[in-house]
C-alpha cells in the first residue's frame, strides 16, 4: 500500500482508528497515521502532497458515513 491507494488507506484508517474523527485530523497528523499503517511503504516517484492527503481524508470521512 502506498500514497495512491487512497481507498484502501481510508478503509484501513477506519478499521484501526475508529475512535478518531477524520474531519478533525490535521494533515501532518494524517500523514503520520498513514505512514504508521501496517503494510504502508512509500514508493519512489509517488510522494505525498496536500492533494493526496485531502483525497485520503475525504475517503476516510465517506468510509465512516
Protein backbone atom coordinates (compact mmCIF):
# COMPACT_ATOMS: atom_id res chain seq x y z
CA UNK A 1 0.00 0.00 0.00
CA UNK A 2 1.32 3.46 -0.91
CA UNK A 3 0.09 7.05 -1.23
CA UNK A 4 -2.01 6.39 -4.34
CA UNK A 5 -4.02 3.62 -2.63
CA UNK A 6 -6.45 6.22 -1.28
CA UNK A 7 -9.49 3.97 -0.79
CA UNK A 8 -7.51 1.16 0.80
CA UNK A 9 -5.85 3.64 3.16
CA UNK A 10 -9.25 5.09 4.12
CA UNK A 11 -10.64 1.62 4.82
CA UNK A 12 -7.63 0.73 6.96
CA UNK A 13 -7.79 4.01 8.86
CA UNK A 14 -11.48 3.36 9.56
CA UNK A 15 -10.69 -0.11 10.90
CA UNK A 16 -7.69 0.86 13.01
CA UNK A 17 -8.67 4.36 14.15
CA UNK A 18 -12.43 4.12 14.63
CA UNK A 19 -12.06 6.44 17.63
CA UNK A 20 -10.70 9.33 15.55
CA UNK A 21 -12.95 11.79 13.72
CA UNK A 22 -11.27 12.28 10.32
CA UNK A 23 -12.81 15.74 9.99
CA UNK A 24 -10.66 16.99 12.90
CA UNK A 25 -7.33 15.46 11.83
CA UNK A 26 -4.66 17.88 10.64
CA UNK A 27 -2.69 16.97 7.53
CA UNK A 28 0.58 16.47 9.43
CA UNK A 29 -1.17 14.05 11.80
CA UNK A 30 -2.95 12.30 8.92
CA UNK A 31 0.37 11.83 7.15
CA UNK A 32 1.84 10.27 10.31
CA UNK A 33 -1.19 8.00 10.78
CA UNK A 34 -0.92 6.76 7.19
CA UNK A 35 2.83 6.19 7.41
CA UNK A 36 2.27 4.08 10.54
CA UNK A 37 -0.28 1.78 8.88
CA UNK A 38 0.72 -1.88 8.58
CA UNK A 39 1.82 -2.63 5.04
CA UNK A 40 2.33 1.02 4.08
CA UNK A 41 5.51 1.82 2.16
CA UNK A 42 6.29 4.99 0.26
CA UNK A 43 7.05 4.41 -3.41
CA UNK A 44 9.76 6.32 -5.28
CA UNK A 45 8.12 8.82 -7.60
CA UNK A 46 4.88 8.92 -5.60
CA UNK A 47 5.43 11.49 -2.85
CA UNK A 48 2.75 12.71 -0.53
CA UNK A 49 1.23 16.13 -1.11
CA UNK A 50 -1.75 18.14 0.10
CA UNK A 51 -3.98 16.88 -2.72
CA UNK A 52 -3.36 13.25 -1.78
CA UNK A 53 -3.96 13.98 1.91
CA UNK A 54 -7.23 15.74 1.01
CA UNK A 55 -8.33 12.71 -1.01
CA UNK A 56 -7.44 10.33 1.83
CA UNK A 57 -9.24 12.48 4.39
CA UNK A 58 -12.39 12.70 2.23
CA UNK A 59 -12.36 8.96 1.53
CA UNK A 60 -11.98 8.31 5.28
CA UNK A 61 -14.93 10.61 6.01
CA UNK A 62 -17.01 8.85 3.33
CA UNK A 63 -15.99 5.43 4.66
CA UNK A 64 -17.32 6.31 8.11
CA UNK A 65 -20.66 7.56 6.77
